[in-house]
């Protein structure tokens, strides 16, 4: 009896999560980034040159996309053409 109620509650939670995700994703539009596009890179918190204070910059750049490896993964280069490691 108790296990049935738990299973039913679990299924109800899964259904609710799917509905909420569908409602959220309805307004999300994918941004296609191609080679040669100029992009910003999120500033890393572990960067020793910049302290992560309240007013620290959150984005670095602009950088040029040199190669698209897969969705959301790109090789970036500075405006001078120097390729960034691990981007």
PDB file of N, CA and C in Angstrom:
ATOM      1  N   UNK A   1       0.828  -1.189   0.000  1.00  0.00           N
ATOM      2  CA  UNK A   1       0.000   0.000   0.000  1.00  0.00           C
ATOM      3  C   UNK A   1       0.876   1.258   0.000  1.00  0.00           C
ATOM      4  N   UNK A   2       1.851   1.289   0.917  1.00  0.00           N
ATOM      5  CA  UNK A   2       2.733   2.448   1.009  1.00  0.00           C
ATOM      6  C   UNK A   2       3.616   2.565  -0.234  1.00  0.00           C
ATOM      7  N   UNK A   3       4.105   1.437  -0.714  1.00  0.00           N
ATOM      8  CA  UNK A   3       4.951   1.447  -1.914  1.00  0.00           C
ATOM      9  C   UNK A   3       4.169   1.931  -3.134  1.00  0.00           C
ATOM     10  N   UNK A   4       2.900   1.562  -3.213  1.00  0.00           N
ATOM     11  CA  UNK A   4       2.072   2.013  -4.328  1.00  0.00           C
ATOM     12  C   UNK A   4       1.898   3.529  -4.301  1.00  0.00           C
ATOM     13  N   UNK A   5       1.690   4.079  -3.121  1.00  0.00           N
ATOM     14  CA  UNK A   5       1.528   5.525  -2.990  1.00  0.00           C
ATOM     15  C   UNK A   5       2.826   6.247  -3.353  1.00  0.00           C
ATOM     16  N   UNK A   6       3.950   5.670  -2.939  1.00  0.00           N
ATOM     17  CA  UNK A   6       5.242   6.274  -3.280  1.00  0.00           C
ATOM     18  C   UNK A   6       5.472   6.250  -4.786  1.00  0.00           C
ATOM     19  N   UNK A   7       5.155   5.118  -5.411  1.00  0.00           N
ATOM     20  CA  UNK A   7       5.327   4.999  -6.857  1.00  0.00           C
ATOM     21  C   UNK A   7       4.428   5.989  -7.592  1.00  0.00           C
ATOM     22  N   UNK A   8       3.194   6.133  -7.119  1.00  0.00           N
ATOM     23  CA  UNK A   8       2.256   7.064  -7.735  1.00  0.00           C
ATOM     24  C   UNK A   8       2.745   8.508  -7.587  1.00  0.00           C
ATOM     25  N   UNK A   9       3.257   8.843  -6.413  1.00  0.00           N
ATOM     26  CA  UNK A   9       3.784  10.191  -6.179  1.00  0.00           C
ATOM     27  C   UNK A   9       5.003  10.452  -7.062  1.00  0.00           C
ATOM     28  N   UNK A  10       5.841   9.432  -7.222  1.00  0.00           N
ATOM     29  CA  UNK A  10       7.030   9.571  -8.067  1.00  0.00           C
ATOM     30  C   UNK A  10       6.631   9.827  -9.523  1.00  0.00           C
ATOM     31  N   UNK A  11       5.650   9.076 -10.020  1.00  0.00           N
ATOM     32  CA  UNK A  11       5.186   9.273 -11.391  1.00  0.00           C
ATOM     33  C   UNK A  11       4.573  10.659 -11.579  1.00  0.00           C
ATOM     34  N   UNK A  12       3.862  11.119 -10.568  1.00  0.00           N
ATOM     35  CA  UNK A  12       3.258  12.451 -10.627  1.00  0.00           C
ATOM     36  C   UNK A  12       4.337  13.532 -10.687  1.00  0.00           C
ATOM     37  N   UNK A  13       5.409  13.344  -9.915  1.00  0.00           N
ATOM     38  CA  UNK A  13       6.523  14.291  -9.920  1.00  0.00           C
ATOM     39  C   UNK A  13       7.221  14.307 -11.281  1.00  0.00           C
ATOM     40  N   UNK A  14       7.446  13.141 -11.858  1.00  0.00           N
ATOM     41  CA  UNK A  14       8.080  13.074 -13.180  1.00  0.00           C
ATOM     42  C   UNK A  14       7.230  13.776 -14.237  1.00  0.00           C
ATOM     43  N   UNK A  15       5.929  13.560 -14.180  1.00  0.00           N
ATOM     44  CA  UNK A  15       5.025  14.215 -15.126  1.00  0.00           C
ATOM     45  C   UNK A  15       5.085  15.734 -14.960  1.00  0.00           C
ATOM     46  N   UNK A  16       5.075  16.196 -13.731  1.00  0.00           N
ATOM     47  CA  UNK A  16       5.139  17.629 -13.451  1.00  0.00           C
ATOM     48  C   UNK A  16       6.436  18.233 -13.995  1.00  0.00           C
ATOM     49  N   UNK A  17       7.557  17.550 -13.788  1.00  0.00           N
ATOM     50  CA  UNK A  17       8.846  18.047 -14.275  1.00  0.00           C
ATOM     51  C   UNK A  17       8.861  18.142 -15.798  1.00  0.00           C
ATOM     52  N   UNK A  18       8.267  17.153 -16.478  1.00  0.00           N
ATOM     53  CA  UNK A  18       8.201  17.189 -17.939  1.00  0.00           C
ATOM     54  C   UNK A  18       7.352  18.358 -18.434  1.00  0.00           C
ATOM     55  N   UNK A  19       6.233  18.598 -17.758  1.00  0.00           N
ATOM     56  CA  UNK A  19       5.355  19.704 -18.155  1.00  0.00           C
ATOM     57  C   UNK A  19       6.070  21.039 -17.976  1.00  0.00           C
ATOM     58  N   UNK A  20       6.748  21.216 -16.851  1.00  0.00           N
ATOM     59  CA  UNK A  20       7.468  22.463 -16.592  1.00  0.00           C
ATOM     60  C   UNK A  20       8.588  22.656 -17.616  1.00  0.00           C
ATOM     61  N   UNK A  21       9.324  21.591 -17.934  1.00  0.00           N
ATOM     62  CA  UNK A  21      10.402  21.687 -18.921  1.00  0.00           C
ATOM     63  C   UNK A  21       9.838  22.069 -20.290  1.00  0.00           C
ATOM     64  N   UNK A  22       8.710  21.499 -20.657  1.00  0.00           N
ATOM     65  CA  UNK A  22       8.091  21.820 -21.936  1.00  0.00           C
ATOM     66  C   UNK A  22       7.662  23.289 -21.983  1.00  0.00           C
ATOM     67  N   UNK A  23       7.088  23.783 -20.891  1.00  0.00           N
ATOM     68  CA  UNK A  23       6.678  25.187 -20.837  1.00  0.00           C
ATOM     69  C   UNK A  23       7.882  26.122 -20.932  1.00  0.00           C
ATOM     70  N   UNK A  24       8.970  25.768 -20.273  1.00  0.00           N
ATOM     71  CA  UNK A  24      10.178  26.592 -20.320  1.00  0.00           C
ATOM     72  C   UNK A  24      10.791  26.573 -21.719  1.00  0.00           C
ATOM     73  N   UNK A  25      10.926  25.396 -22.290  1.00  0.00           N
ATOM     74  CA  UNK A  25      11.600  25.248 -23.581  1.00  0.00           C
ATOM     75  C   UNK A  25      10.800  25.831 -24.738  1.00  0.00           C
ATOM     76  N   UNK A  26       9.548  26.131 -24.512  1.00  0.00           N
ATOM     77  CA  UNK A  26       8.725  26.721 -25.550  1.00  0.00           C
ATOM     78  C   UNK A  26       9.267  28.086 -25.978  1.00  0.00           C
ATOM     79  N   UNK A  27       9.842  28.819 -25.039  1.00  0.00           N
ATOM     80  CA  UNK A  27      10.333  30.167 -25.329  1.00  0.00           C
ATOM     81  C   UNK A  27      11.830  30.212 -25.633  1.00  0.00           C
ATOM     82  N   UNK A  28      12.533  29.122 -25.443  1.00  0.00           N
ATOM     83  CA  UNK A  28      13.976  29.094 -25.667  1.00  0.00           C
ATOM     84  C   UNK A  28      14.250  28.918 -27.156  1.00  0.00           C
ATOM     85  N   UNK A  29      15.087  29.787 -27.686  1.00  0.00           N
ATOM     86  CA  UNK A  29      15.459  29.701 -29.092  1.00  0.00           C
ATOM     87  C   UNK A  29      16.945  29.375 -29.180  1.00  0.00           C
ATOM     88  N   UNK A  30      17.314  28.350 -29.909  1.00  0.00           N
ATOM     89  CA  UNK A  30      18.739  28.018 -30.016  1.00  0.00           C
ATOM     90  C   UNK A  30      19.484  29.082 -30.813  1.00  0.00           C
ATOM     91  N   UNK A  31      20.696  29.362 -30.374  1.00  0.00           N
ATOM     92  CA  UNK A  31      21.550  30.317 -31.081  1.00  0.00           C
ATOM     93  C   UNK A  31      22.616  29.533 -31.833  1.00  0.00           C
ATOM     94  N   UNK A  32      22.609  29.667 -33.112  1.00  0.00           N
ATOM     95  CA  UNK A  32      23.581  28.959 -33.932  1.00  0.00           C
ATOM     96  C   UNK A  32      24.831  29.818 -34.064  1.00  0.00           C
ATOM     97  N   UNK A  33      25.960  29.241 -33.708  1.00  0.00           N
ATOM     98  CA  UNK A  33      27.246  29.931 -33.785  1.00  0.00           C
ATOM     99  C   UNK A  33      28.060  29.247 -34.873  1.00  0.00           C
ATOM    100  N   UNK A  34      28.508  30.029 -35.832  1.00  0.00           N
ATOM    101  CA  UNK A  34      29.273  29.472 -36.933  1.00  0.00           C
ATOM    102  C   UNK A  34      30.719  29.924 -36.905  1.00  0.00           C
ATOM    103  N   UNK A  35      31.505  29.362 -37.810  1.00  0.00           N
ATOM    104  CA  UNK A  35      32.911  29.733 -37.889  1.00  0.00           C
ATOM    105  C   UNK A  35      33.031  31.192 -38.302  1.00  0.00           C
ATOM    106  N   UNK A  36      33.936  31.908 -37.640  1.00  0.00           N
ATOM    107  CA  UNK A  36      34.154  33.309 -37.940  1.00  0.00           C
ATOM    108  C   UNK A  36      33.303  34.253 -37.116  1.00  0.00           C
ATOM    109  N   UNK A  37      32.329  33.733 -36.384  1.00  0.00           N
ATOM    110  CA  UNK A  37      31.486  34.588 -35.544  1.00  0.00           C
ATOM    111  C   UNK A  37      32.281  35.103 -34.355  1.00  0.00           C
ATOM    112  N   UNK A  38      31.929  36.296 -33.905  1.00  0.00           N
ATOM    113  CA  UNK A  38      32.546  36.871 -32.716  1.00  0.00           C
ATOM    114  C   UNK A  38      31.687  36.530 -31.512  1.00  0.00           C
ATOM    115  N   UNK A  39      32.329  36.019 -30.457  1.00  0.00           N
ATOM    116  CA  UNK A  39      31.610  35.591 -29.255  1.00  0.00           C
ATOM    117  C   UNK A  39      32.346  36.083 -28.016  1.00  0.00           C
ATOM    118  N   UNK A  40      31.656  36.063 -26.897  1.00  0.00           N
ATOM    119  CA  UNK A  40      32.257  36.318 -25.596  1.00  0.00           C
ATOM    120  C   UNK A  40      32.415  34.993 -24.878  1.00  0.00           C
ATOM    121  N   UNK A  41      33.403  34.921 -23.988  1.00  0.00           N
ATOM    122  CA  UNK A  41      33.646  33.719 -23.193  1.00  0.00           C
ATOM    123  C   UNK A  41      33.400  34.069 -21.740  1.00  0.00           C
ATOM    124  N   UNK A  42      32.749  33.175 -21.011  1.00  0.00           N
ATOM    125  CA  UNK A  42      32.484  33.417 -19.603  1.00  0.00           C
ATOM    126  C   UNK A  42      33.805  33.458 -18.844  1.00  0.00           C
ATOM    127  N   UNK A  43      33.982  34.475 -18.002  1.00  0.00           N
ATOM    128  CA  UNK A  43      35.215  34.623 -17.227  1.00  0.00           C
ATOM    129  C   UNK A  43      35.289  33.511 -16.190  1.00  0.00           C
ATOM    130  N   UNK A  44      36.432  32.873 -16.098  1.00  0.00           N
ATOM    131  CA  UNK A  44      36.597  31.766 -15.162  1.00  0.00           C
ATOM    132  C   UNK A  44      36.841  32.285 -13.759  1.00  0.00           C
ATOM    133  N   UNK A  45      36.232  31.621 -12.790  1.00  0.00           N
ATOM    134  CA  UNK A  45      36.367  32.032 -11.394  1.00  0.00           C
ATOM    135  C   UNK A  45      37.751  31.703 -10.853  1.00  0.00           C
ATOM    136  N   UNK A  46      38.417  30.724 -11.450  1.00  0.00           N
ATOM    137  CA  UNK A  46      39.719  30.307 -10.932  1.00  0.00           C
ATOM    138  C   UNK A  46      40.880  31.070 -11.568  1.00  0.00           C
ATOM    139  N   UNK A  47      40.592  32.094 -12.335  1.00  0.00           N
ATOM    140  CA  UNK A  47      41.643  32.868 -12.988  1.00  0.00           C
ATOM    141  C   UNK A  47      42.400  33.673 -11.933  1.00  0.00           C
ATOM    142  N   UNK A  48      43.696  33.413 -11.725  1.00  0.00           N
ATOM    143  CA  UNK A  48      44.429  34.108 -10.658  1.00  0.00           C
ATOM    144  C   UNK A  48      44.668  35.589 -10.946  1.00  0.00           C
ATOM    145  N   UNK A  49      44.559  36.007 -12.207  1.00  0.00           N
ATOM    146  CA  UNK A  49      44.806  37.410 -12.537  1.00  0.00           C
ATOM    147  C   UNK A  49      43.644  38.309 -12.138  1.00  0.00           C
ATOM    148  N   UNK A  50      42.455  37.763 -12.084  1.00  0.00           N
ATOM    149  CA  UNK A  50      41.276  38.564 -11.757  1.00  0.00           C
ATOM    150  C   UNK A  50      40.632  38.016 -10.493  1.00  0.00           C
ATOM    151  N   UNK A  51      40.430  38.877  -9.529  1.00  0.00           N
ATOM    152  CA  UNK A  51      39.709  38.426  -8.344  1.00  0.00           C
ATOM    153  C   UNK A  51      38.222  38.450  -8.665  1.00  0.00           C
ATOM    154  N   UNK A  52      37.475  37.571  -8.069  1.00  0.00           N
ATOM    155  CA  UNK A  52      36.049  37.462  -8.351  1.00  0.00           C
ATOM    156  C   UNK A  52      35.247  38.294  -7.362  1.00  0.00           C
ATOM    157  N   UNK A  53      35.441  39.596  -7.423  1.00  0.00           N
ATOM    158  CA  UNK A  53      34.664  40.496  -6.587  1.00  0.00           C
ATOM    159  C   UNK A  53      33.284  40.694  -7.194  1.00  0.00           C
ATOM    160  N   UNK A  54      32.520  41.496  -6.511  1.00  0.00           N
ATOM    161  CA  UNK A  54      31.157  41.760  -6.939  1.00  0.00           C
ATOM    162  C   UNK A  54      31.103  42.425  -8.316  1.00  0.00           C
ATOM    163  N   UNK A  55      32.026  43.328  -8.573  1.00  0.00           N
ATOM    164  CA  UNK A  55      32.004  44.073  -9.827  1.00  0.00           C
ATOM    165  C   UNK A  55      33.001  43.552 -10.859  1.00  0.00           C
ATOM    166  N   UNK A  56      33.509  42.356 -10.662  1.00  0.00           N
ATOM    167  CA  UNK A  56      34.455  41.776 -11.613  1.00  0.00           C
ATOM    168  C   UNK A  56      33.724  41.458 -12.925  1.00  0.00           C
ATOM    169  N   UNK A  57      34.425  41.541 -14.046  1.00  0.00           N
ATOM    170  CA  UNK A  57      33.764  41.240 -15.325  1.00  0.00           C
ATOM    171  C   UNK A  57      33.343  39.776 -15.402  1.00  0.00           C
ATOM    172  N   UNK A  58      32.178  39.546 -15.930  1.00  0.00           N
ATOM    173  CA  UNK A  58      31.654  38.182 -16.038  1.00  0.00           C
ATOM    174  C   UNK A  58      31.987  37.547 -17.392  1.00  0.00           C
ATOM    175  N   UNK A  59      32.311  38.371 -18.371  1.00  0.00           N
ATOM    176  CA  UNK A  59      32.588  37.878 -19.714  1.00  0.00           C
ATOM    177  C   UNK A  59      33.920  38.433 -20.207  1.00  0.00           C
ATOM    178  N   UNK A  60      34.594  37.645 -21.040  1.00  0.00           N
ATOM    179  CA  UNK A  60      35.853  38.045 -21.659  1.00  0.00           C
ATOM    180  C   UNK A  60      35.667  38.018 -23.168  1.00  0.00           C
ATOM    181  N   UNK A  61      36.409  38.865 -23.843  1.00  0.00           N
ATOM    182  CA  UNK A  61      36.333  38.779 -25.286  1.00  0.00           C
ATOM    183  C   UNK A  61      36.371  40.138 -25.927  1.00  0.00           C
ATOM    184  N   UNK A  62      36.105  40.244 -27.176  1.00  0.00           N
ATOM    185  CA  UNK A  62      35.511  39.245 -28.067  1.00  0.00           C
ATOM    186  C   UNK A  62      36.550  38.256 -28.605  1.00  0.00           C
ATOM    187  N   UNK A  63      36.077  37.077 -28.924  1.00  0.00           N
ATOM    188  CA  UNK A  63      36.895  36.030 -29.527  1.00  0.00           C
ATOM    189  C   UNK A  63      36.233  35.595 -30.825  1.00  0.00           C
ATOM    190  N   UNK A  64      37.033  35.052 -31.716  1.00  0.00           N
ATOM    191  CA  UNK A  64      36.525  34.557 -32.996  1.00  0.00           C
ATOM    192  C   UNK A  64      36.448  33.033 -32.933  1.00  0.00           C
ATOM    193  N   UNK A  65      35.350  32.472 -33.428  1.00  0.00           N
ATOM    194  CA  UNK A  65      35.181  31.017 -33.478  1.00  0.00           C
ATOM    195  C   UNK A  65      36.011  30.493 -34.642  1.00  0.00           C
ATOM    196  N   UNK A  66      36.967  29.603 -34.323  1.00  0.00           N
ATOM    197  CA  UNK A  66      37.842  29.034 -35.345  1.00  0.00           C
ATOM    198  C   UNK A  66      37.284  27.709 -35.844  1.00  0.00           C
ATOM    199  N   UNK A  67      36.750  26.909 -34.906  1.00  0.00           N
ATOM    200  CA  UNK A  67      36.258  25.581 -35.269  1.00  0.00           C
ATOM    201  C   UNK A  67      35.130  25.204 -34.332  1.00  0.00           C
ATOM    202  N   UNK A  68      34.073  24.626 -34.873  1.00  0.00           N
ATOM    203  CA  UNK A  68      32.973  24.110 -34.060  1.00  0.00           C
ATOM    204  C   UNK A  68      33.163  22.606 -33.932  1.00  0.00           C
ATOM    205  N   UNK A  69      33.419  22.141 -32.709  1.00  0.00           N
ATOM    206  CA  UNK A  69      33.672  20.721 -32.485  1.00  0.00           C
ATOM    207  C   UNK A  69      32.353  19.962 -32.419  1.00  0.00           C
ATOM    208  N   UNK A  70      31.435  20.436 -31.580  1.00  0.00           N
ATOM    209  CA  UNK A  70      30.069  19.921 -31.510  1.00  0.00           C
ATOM    210  C   UNK A  70      29.221  21.025 -30.897  1.00  0.00           C
ATOM    211  N   UNK A  71      27.943  20.786 -30.718  1.00  0.00           N
ATOM    212  CA  UNK A  71      27.052  21.822 -30.190  1.00  0.00           C
ATOM    213  C   UNK A  71      27.562  22.337 -28.853  1.00  0.00           C
ATOM    214  N   UNK A  72      27.829  23.627 -28.781  1.00  0.00           N
ATOM    215  CA  UNK A  72      28.266  24.247 -27.538  1.00  0.00           C
ATOM    216  C   UNK A  72      29.751  24.136 -27.258  1.00  0.00           C
ATOM    217  N   UNK A  73      30.520  23.477 -28.120  1.00  0.00           N
ATOM    218  CA  UNK A  73      31.961  23.324 -27.921  1.00  0.00           C
ATOM    219  C   UNK A  73      32.686  23.895 -29.137  1.00  0.00           C
ATOM    220  N   UNK A  74      33.519  24.899 -28.868  1.00  0.00           N
ATOM    221  CA  UNK A  74      34.179  25.605 -29.957  1.00  0.00           C
ATOM    222  C   UNK A  74      35.646  25.831 -29.632  1.00  0.00           C
ATOM    223  N   UNK A  75      36.453  25.978 -30.680  1.00  0.00           N
ATOM    224  CA  UNK A  75      37.824  26.432 -30.535  1.00  0.00           C
ATOM    225  C   UNK A  75      37.813  27.922 -30.819  1.00  0.00           C
ATOM    226  N   UNK A  76      38.353  28.704 -29.869  1.00  0.00           N
ATOM    227  CA  UNK A  76      38.321  30.157 -29.987  1.00  0.00           C
ATOM    228  C   UNK A  76      39.711  30.711 -30.227  1.00  0.00           C
ATOM    229  N   UNK A  77      39.758  31.867 -30.856  1.00  0.00           N
ATOM    230  CA  UNK A  77      41.009  32.579 -31.083  1.00  0.00           C
ATOM    231  C   UNK A  77      40.787  34.044 -30.741  1.00  0.00           C
ATOM    232  N   UNK A  78      41.869  34.705 -30.320  1.00  0.00           N
ATOM    233  CA  UNK A  78      41.785  36.139 -30.045  1.00  0.00           C
ATOM    234  C   UNK A  78      41.649  36.880 -31.367  1.00  0.00           C
ATOM    235  N   UNK A  79      41.464  38.166 -31.286  1.00  0.00           N
ATOM    236  CA  UNK A  79      41.335  38.964 -32.503  1.00  0.00           C
ATOM    237  C   UNK A  79      42.645  39.008 -33.284  1.00  0.00           C
ATOM    238  N   UNK A  80      43.773  38.721 -32.599  1.00  0.00           N
ATOM    239  CA  UNK A  80      45.079  38.672 -33.262  1.00  0.00           C
ATOM    240  C   UNK A  80      45.320  37.346 -33.965  1.00  0.00           C
ATOM    241  N   UNK A  81      44.472  36.341 -33.720  1.00  0.00           N
ATOM    242  CA  UNK A  81      44.616  35.037 -34.344  1.00  0.00           C
ATOM    243  C   UNK A  81      45.234  33.980 -33.449  1.00  0.00           C
ATOM    244  N   UNK A  82      45.579  34.328 -32.206  1.00  0.00           N
ATOM    245  CA  UNK A  82      46.175  33.360 -31.287  1.00  0.00           C
ATOM    246  C   UNK A  82      45.077  32.447 -30.736  1.00  0.00           C
ATOM    247  N   UNK A  83      45.237  31.133 -30.922  1.00  0.00           N
ATOM    248  CA  UNK A  83      44.222  30.168 -30.488  1.00  0.00           C
ATOM    249  C   UNK A  83      44.303  29.979 -28.980  1.00  0.00           C
ATOM    250  N   UNK A  84      43.141  30.001 -28.335  1.00  0.00           N
ATOM    251  CA  UNK A  84      43.072  29.814 -26.884  1.00  0.00           C
ATOM    252  C   UNK A  84      43.096  28.330 -26.545  1.00  0.00           C
ATOM    253  N   UNK A  85      43.842  27.941 -25.528  1.00  0.00           N
ATOM    254  CA  UNK A  85      43.828  26.537 -25.113  1.00  0.00           C
ATOM    255  C   UNK A  85      42.566  26.225 -24.320  1.00  0.00           C
ATOM    256  N   UNK A  86      42.089  25.010 -24.444  1.00  0.00           N
ATOM    257  CA  UNK A  86      40.955  24.478 -23.663  1.00  0.00           C
ATOM    258  C   UNK A  86      39.695  25.330 -23.755  1.00  0.00           C
ATOM    259  N   UNK A  87      39.281  25.692 -24.952  1.00  0.00           N
ATOM    260  CA  UNK A  87      38.024  26.432 -25.101  1.00  0.00           C
ATOM    261  C   UNK A  87      37.055  25.646 -25.932  1.00  0.00           C
TER     262      UNK A  87
END
